[in-house]
Structures are given as structure tokens and as C-alpha cells.
Amino acid sequence: MWALVKDGSVSEYIETPRQIKDDSGVTHPQQIFERWSDAELIAVGVYPVVVSRAAVDPIYQTQGDDVVTINADNVTITAAANNMDLAVVKANQLANVRARAGDLLAQTDWYIVRKAETSVAVPVDVTGARALVRNTCNDAETAINDAADGAAISAAVAAINWPD
């Protein structure tokens, strides 16, 4: 990718080689992108672009705004990762964990309803599986609540091993 720089600022980004018009009004064919050196391109206002955005963990971070810097030999685009509010991240992840547990329990709820309505016993393997879901949920909630920062919440979420 290249940036067309005019009057000291980026006027546009060029994704694929194409014909361009430089500051002096000269039209250059698309072949300049393949045949010219970076120095020759820069001389007519076409700078290579270097993109360096921080990795973002979507559980607790958002991508910051792009910062564009015109350097002597390139245009850099950087962006930092911004941490979300810890209380909001915890609340979101707790809601996700509880929803997942609810979805898993819903698969066997009919056994519980049948027991309430007809006194037919719930199979032992079903009660064991339901207990495992509840325990997994409780352990995950504790890990998320105990987390001191977003990275710890992300690790806690990644460590959840839901039963099949």
C-alpha cells in the first residue's frame, strides 16, 4: 500500500498500482509502482505505508484511533489497543458464562420437568452432567470476579472447559 502525500498530508491511500497525478500536475503510469525505487516514488509524493496496529484481545480491548505519521522514507499508521472498563468487561463475561451454562442446562431441562410432573426419576448421568455444568459455571464466575485486569479475565475465559 502507498500513500499519496500532497501539501504535507496524506491525500489518499493507494491499494493497488494505478495511474497518479503528482503535486506538479504530472501524470505517471501505474508501472512506476513496480519499476521505480522508493526514493523515486517519494520524490513525486508516493510513500510506502507501514501499518503497525497493536494486537487486540476482543474480550477486554478495542482498537484505538489510527495515528498517521509522514516520515522521510514512509508513512506509518499506528494504533494502540485500548482497555475497556474492567467492571463492564467482568459483567459482560459473567453474562456470557451464565448464558452458556443456561444453554447447556436447557438441553436436559425436560428431565427435571418430567420429574416434577410425573415423579419419574432423573437419570444419574443427567444429574451428574447438570452438576458439572453448574460447577464449571461457578468456577468460571469466581475466576472472572477474582481477575485483577482484562488479561486475567481473558485467561479465565480461555480456561473454561465446558462439558460436552
C-alpha atoms as a PDB file:
ATOM      1  CA  MET A   1       0.000   0.000   0.000  1.00  0.00           C
ATOM      2  CA  TRP A   2       1.137   3.533  -0.694  1.00  0.00           C
ATOM      3  CA  ALA A   3       0.101   6.984   0.430  1.00  0.00           C
ATOM      4  CA  LEU A   4      -0.118   9.935  -1.909  1.00  0.00           C
ATOM      5  CA  VAL A   5       1.185  12.896   0.061  1.00  0.00           C
ATOM      6  CA  LYS A   6       0.244  16.405  -1.061  1.00  0.00           C
ATOM      7  CA  ASP A   7       0.984  19.628   0.796  1.00  0.00           C
ATOM      8  CA  GLY A   8       2.401  17.742   3.769  1.00  0.00           C
ATOM      9  CA  SER A   9      -0.569  15.459   4.390  1.00  0.00           C
ATOM     10  CA  VAL A  10      -1.915  12.186   3.047  1.00  0.00           C
ATOM     11  CA  SER A  11      -4.440  12.948   0.327  1.00  0.00           C
ATOM     12  CA  GLU A  12      -5.272   9.295  -0.375  1.00  0.00           C
ATOM     13  CA  TYR A  13      -4.165   5.719   0.068  1.00  0.00           C
ATOM     14  CA  ILE A  14      -3.405   3.558  -2.954  1.00  0.00           C
ATOM     15  CA  GLU A  15      -4.092  -0.146  -2.503  1.00  0.00           C
ATOM     16  CA  THR A  16      -3.168  -1.330  -5.998  1.00  0.00           C
ATOM     17  CA  PRO A  17      -0.912   0.316  -8.590  1.00  0.00           C
ATOM     18  CA  ARG A  18      -2.716   2.802 -10.800  1.00  0.00           C
ATOM     19  CA  GLN A  19      -2.062   5.998 -12.688  1.00  0.00           C
ATOM     20  CA  ILE A  20      -1.447   9.007 -10.403  1.00  0.00           C
ATOM     21  CA  LYS A  21      -1.039  12.750 -10.728  1.00  0.00           C
ATOM     22  CA  ASP A  22       1.714  14.329  -8.589  1.00  0.00           C
ATOM     23  CA  ASP A  23       1.819  17.771  -6.933  1.00  0.00           C
ATOM     24  CA  SER A  24       3.203  19.394 -10.067  1.00  0.00           C
ATOM     25  CA  GLY A  25       0.357  18.050 -12.195  1.00  0.00           C
ATOM     26  CA  VAL A  26       2.393  15.382 -13.972  1.00  0.00           C
ATOM     27  CA  THR A  27       0.504  12.158 -14.632  1.00  0.00           C
ATOM     28  CA  HIS A  28       2.509   8.970 -14.015  1.00  0.00           C
ATOM     29  CA  PRO A  29       1.533   5.497 -15.297  1.00  0.00           C
ATOM     30  CA  GLN A  30       0.809   2.625 -12.923  1.00  0.00           C
ATOM     31  CA  GLN A  31       4.130   0.987 -13.844  1.00  0.00           C
ATOM     32  CA  ILE A  32       6.028   3.410 -11.600  1.00  0.00           C
ATOM     33  CA  PHE A  33       4.931   1.321  -8.601  1.00  0.00           C
ATOM     34  CA  GLU A  34       6.843  -1.685  -9.963  1.00  0.00           C
ATOM     35  CA  ARG A  35       9.755  -0.024 -11.736  1.00  0.00           C
ATOM     36  CA  TRP A  36      10.703   2.930  -9.555  1.00  0.00           C
ATOM     37  CA  SER A  37      12.665   2.808  -6.326  1.00  0.00           C
ATOM     38  CA  ASP A  38      11.097   4.028  -3.090  1.00  0.00           C
ATOM     39  CA  ALA A  39      13.242   7.168  -3.336  1.00  0.00           C
ATOM     40  CA  GLU A  40      11.910   7.922  -6.837  1.00  0.00           C
ATOM     41  CA  LEU A  41       8.322   7.364  -5.699  1.00  0.00           C
ATOM     42  CA  ILE A  42       8.806   9.576  -2.652  1.00  0.00           C
ATOM     43  CA  ALA A  43      10.195  12.317  -4.910  1.00  0.00           C
ATOM     44  CA  VAL A  44       6.763  12.518  -6.594  1.00  0.00           C
ATOM     45  CA  GLY A  45       4.836  12.214  -3.302  1.00  0.00           C
ATOM     46  CA  VAL A  46       4.157   8.468  -3.249  1.00  0.00           C
ATOM     47  CA  TYR A  47       5.260   6.923   0.073  1.00  0.00           C
ATOM     48  CA  PRO A  48       5.215   3.258   1.088  1.00  0.00           C
ATOM     49  CA  VAL A  49       2.864   2.678   4.018  1.00  0.00           C
ATOM     50  CA  VAL A  50       3.837   0.757   7.134  1.00  0.00           C
ATOM     51  CA  VAL A  51       0.888  -0.320   9.284  1.00  0.00           C
ATOM     52  CA  SER A  52       1.575  -1.164  12.913  1.00  0.00           C
ATOM     53  CA  ARG A  53      -1.589  -1.648  14.916  1.00  0.00           C
ATOM     54  CA  ALA A  54      -1.440  -3.282  18.334  1.00  0.00           C
ATOM     55  CA  ALA A  55      -2.977  -6.724  18.689  1.00  0.00           C
ATOM     56  CA  VAL A  56      -6.388  -6.502  20.330  1.00  0.00           C
ATOM     57  CA  ASP A  57      -7.975  -9.053  22.643  1.00  0.00           C
ATOM     58  CA  PRO A  58     -11.696  -8.556  21.913  1.00  0.00           C
ATOM     59  CA  ILE A  59     -12.645  -9.751  25.385  1.00  0.00           C
ATOM     60  CA  TYR A  60     -11.259  -6.615  27.026  1.00  0.00           C
ATOM     61  CA  GLN A  61      -9.804  -4.286  24.400  1.00  0.00           C
ATOM     62  CA  THR A  62     -10.796  -2.100  21.473  1.00  0.00           C
ATOM     63  CA  GLN A  63      -8.615  -0.755  18.685  1.00  0.00           C
ATOM     64  CA  GLY A  64      -7.524   2.823  19.226  1.00  0.00           C
ATOM     65  CA  ASP A  65      -7.687   5.516  16.579  1.00  0.00           C
ATOM     66  CA  ASP A  66      -5.141   5.456  13.784  1.00  0.00           C
ATOM     67  CA  VAL A  67      -2.228   7.866  14.096  1.00  0.00           C
ATOM     68  CA  VAL A  68      -0.696   8.720  10.718  1.00  0.00           C
ATOM     69  CA  THR A  69       2.902   9.972  10.602  1.00  0.00           C
ATOM     70  CA  ILE A  70       4.706  11.097   7.462  1.00  0.00           C
ATOM     71  CA  ASN A  71       8.377  10.197   7.735  1.00  0.00           C
ATOM     72  CA  ALA A  72      11.261  10.777   5.344  1.00  0.00           C
ATOM     73  CA  ASP A  73      11.053   7.250   3.933  1.00  0.00           C
ATOM     74  CA  ASN A  74       7.459   6.110   4.599  1.00  0.00           C
ATOM     75  CA  VAL A  75       4.071   6.849   6.070  1.00  0.00           C
ATOM     76  CA  THR A  76       3.327   4.933   9.262  1.00  0.00           C
ATOM     77  CA  ILE A  77      -0.111   4.119  10.594  1.00  0.00           C
ATOM     78  CA  THR A  78      -0.116   3.109  14.240  1.00  0.00           C
ATOM     79  CA  ALA A  79      -2.892   2.397  16.699  1.00  0.00           C
ATOM     80  CA  ALA A  80      -2.801   1.296  20.292  1.00  0.00           C
ATOM     81  CA  ALA A  81      -5.121  -1.172  21.970  1.00  0.00           C
ATOM     82  CA  ASN A  82      -7.448   0.498  24.457  1.00  0.00           C
ATOM     83  CA  ASN A  83      -8.557  -1.412  27.548  1.00  0.00           C
ATOM     84  CA  MET A  84     -12.275  -1.401  28.278  1.00  0.00           C
ATOM     85  CA  ASP A  85     -13.638  -0.612  31.726  1.00  0.00           C
ATOM     86  CA  LEU A  86     -12.884  -3.595  33.978  1.00  0.00           C
ATOM     87  CA  ALA A  87     -16.335  -3.659  35.609  1.00  0.00           C
ATOM     88  CA  VAL A  88     -18.010  -3.699  32.185  1.00  0.00           C
ATOM     89  CA  VAL A  89     -15.728  -6.493  30.954  1.00  0.00           C
ATOM     90  CA  LYS A  90     -16.472  -8.568  34.058  1.00  0.00           C
ATOM     91  CA  ALA A  91     -20.227  -8.010  33.717  1.00  0.00           C
ATOM     92  CA  ASN A  92     -20.154  -8.975  30.012  1.00  0.00           C
ATOM     93  CA  GLN A  93     -18.126 -12.122  30.590  1.00  0.00           C
ATOM     94  CA  LEU A  94     -20.215 -13.177  33.592  1.00  0.00           C
ATOM     95  CA  ALA A  95     -23.335 -12.794  31.447  1.00  0.00           C
ATOM     96  CA  ASN A  96     -21.712 -14.894  28.694  1.00  0.00           C
ATOM     97  CA  VAL A  97     -20.758 -17.641  31.155  1.00  0.00           C
ATOM     98  CA  ARG A  98     -24.235 -17.729  32.686  1.00  0.00           C
ATOM     99  CA  ALA A  99     -25.851 -17.810  29.235  1.00  0.00           C
ATOM    100  CA  ARG A 100     -23.631 -20.717  28.157  1.00  0.00           C
ATOM    101  CA  ALA A 101     -24.466 -22.620  31.353  1.00  0.00           C
ATOM    102  CA  GLY A 102     -28.156 -21.920  30.789  1.00  0.00           C
ATOM    103  CA  ASP A 103     -27.938 -23.211  27.214  1.00  0.00           C
ATOM    104  CA  LEU A 104     -26.249 -26.407  28.373  1.00  0.00           C
ATOM    105  CA  LEU A 105     -28.748 -26.957  31.192  1.00  0.00           C
ATOM    106  CA  ALA A 106     -31.691 -26.274  28.857  1.00  0.00           C
ATOM    107  CA  GLN A 107     -30.774 -29.405  26.886  1.00  0.00           C
ATOM    108  CA  THR A 108     -31.755 -31.580  29.856  1.00  0.00           C
ATOM    109  CA  ASP A 109     -34.429 -29.412  31.479  1.00  0.00           C
ATOM    110  CA  TRP A 110     -37.114 -31.742  30.194  1.00  0.00           C
ATOM    111  CA  TYR A 111     -35.878 -34.418  32.619  1.00  0.00           C
ATOM    112  CA  ILE A 112     -36.420 -32.016  35.510  1.00  0.00           C
ATOM    113  CA  VAL A 113     -39.896 -31.052  34.265  1.00  0.00           C
ATOM    114  CA  ARG A 114     -40.795 -34.721  33.787  1.00  0.00           C
ATOM    115  CA  LYS A 115     -39.667 -35.458  37.364  1.00  0.00           C
ATOM    116  CA  ALA A 116     -41.786 -32.576  38.720  1.00  0.00           C
ATOM    117  CA  GLU A 117     -44.849 -33.592  36.739  1.00  0.00           C
ATOM    118  CA  THR A 118     -44.709 -37.390  36.847  1.00  0.00           C
ATOM    119  CA  SER A 119     -42.216 -38.306  39.590  1.00  0.00           C
ATOM    120  CA  VAL A 120     -40.094 -40.249  37.065  1.00  0.00           C
ATOM    121  CA  ALA A 121     -36.526 -40.169  38.324  1.00  0.00           C
ATOM    122  CA  VAL A 122     -33.890 -38.143  36.528  1.00  0.00           C
ATOM    123  CA  PRO A 123     -31.106 -40.463  35.318  1.00  0.00           C
ATOM    124  CA  VAL A 124     -27.945 -40.276  37.427  1.00  0.00           C
ATOM    125  CA  ASP A 125     -25.783 -39.399  34.428  1.00  0.00           C
ATOM    126  CA  VAL A 126     -28.042 -36.419  33.693  1.00  0.00           C
ATOM    127  CA  THR A 127     -27.923 -35.110  37.266  1.00  0.00           C
ATOM    128  CA  GLY A 128     -24.142 -35.566  37.208  1.00  0.00           C
ATOM    129  CA  ALA A 129     -23.814 -33.704  33.917  1.00  0.00           C
ATOM    130  CA  ARG A 130     -26.002 -30.868  35.189  1.00  0.00           C
ATOM    131  CA  ALA A 131     -23.937 -30.606  38.371  1.00  0.00           C
ATOM    132  CA  LEU A 132     -20.777 -30.443  36.275  1.00  0.00           C
ATOM    133  CA  VAL A 133     -22.236 -27.553  34.225  1.00  0.00           C
ATOM    134  CA  ARG A 134     -23.188 -25.679  37.400  1.00  0.00           C
ATOM    135  CA  ASN A 135     -19.754 -26.286  38.955  1.00  0.00           C
ATOM    136  CA  THR A 136     -17.990 -25.156  35.786  1.00  0.00           C
ATOM    137  CA  CYS A 137     -20.118 -22.018  35.755  1.00  0.00           C
ATOM    138  CA  ASN A 138     -19.421 -21.316  39.440  1.00  0.00           C
ATOM    139  CA  ASP A 139     -15.670 -21.818  38.978  1.00  0.00           C
ATOM    140  CA  ALA A 140     -15.650 -19.537  35.920  1.00  0.00           C
ATOM    141  CA  GLU A 141     -17.616 -16.854  37.771  1.00  0.00           C
ATOM    142  CA  THR A 142     -15.131 -16.987  40.657  1.00  0.00           C
ATOM    143  CA  ALA A 143     -12.147 -16.721  38.294  1.00  0.00           C
ATOM    144  CA  ILE A 144     -13.688 -13.778  36.452  1.00  0.00           C
ATOM    145  CA  ASN A 145     -14.663 -11.975  39.660  1.00  0.00           C
ATOM    146  CA  ASP A 146     -11.184 -12.531  41.124  1.00  0.00           C
ATOM    147  CA  ALA A 147      -9.405 -11.266  37.989  1.00  0.00           C
ATOM    148  CA  ALA A 148      -7.397  -8.097  38.571  1.00  0.00           C
ATOM    149  CA  ASP A 149      -7.267  -6.944  34.959  1.00  0.00           C
ATOM    150  CA  GLY A 150      -8.546  -7.617  31.457  1.00  0.00           C
ATOM    151  CA  ALA A 151      -5.759 -10.049  30.607  1.00  0.00           C
ATOM    152  CA  ALA A 152      -6.651 -12.146  33.661  1.00  0.00           C
ATOM    153  CA  ILE A 153     -10.314 -12.153  32.628  1.00  0.00           C
ATOM    154  CA  SER A 154      -9.337 -13.238  29.128  1.00  0.00           C
ATOM    155  CA  ALA A 155      -7.217 -16.046  30.573  1.00  0.00           C
ATOM    156  CA  ALA A 156     -10.066 -17.120  32.853  1.00  0.00           C
ATOM    157  CA  VAL A 157     -12.481 -17.256  29.939  1.00  0.00           C
ATOM    158  CA  ALA A 158     -10.000 -19.207  27.797  1.00  0.00           C
ATOM    159  CA  ALA A 159      -9.534 -21.726  30.626  1.00  0.00           C
ATOM    160  CA  ILE A 160     -13.241 -22.633  30.863  1.00  0.00           C
ATOM    161  CA  ASN A 161     -13.708 -26.277  29.925  1.00  0.00           C
ATOM    162  CA  TRP A 162     -17.429 -26.744  29.391  1.00  0.00           C
ATOM    163  CA  PRO A 163     -18.655 -30.337  29.494  1.00  0.00           C
ATOM    164  CA  ASP A 164     -19.967 -31.847  26.265  1.00  0.00           C
END
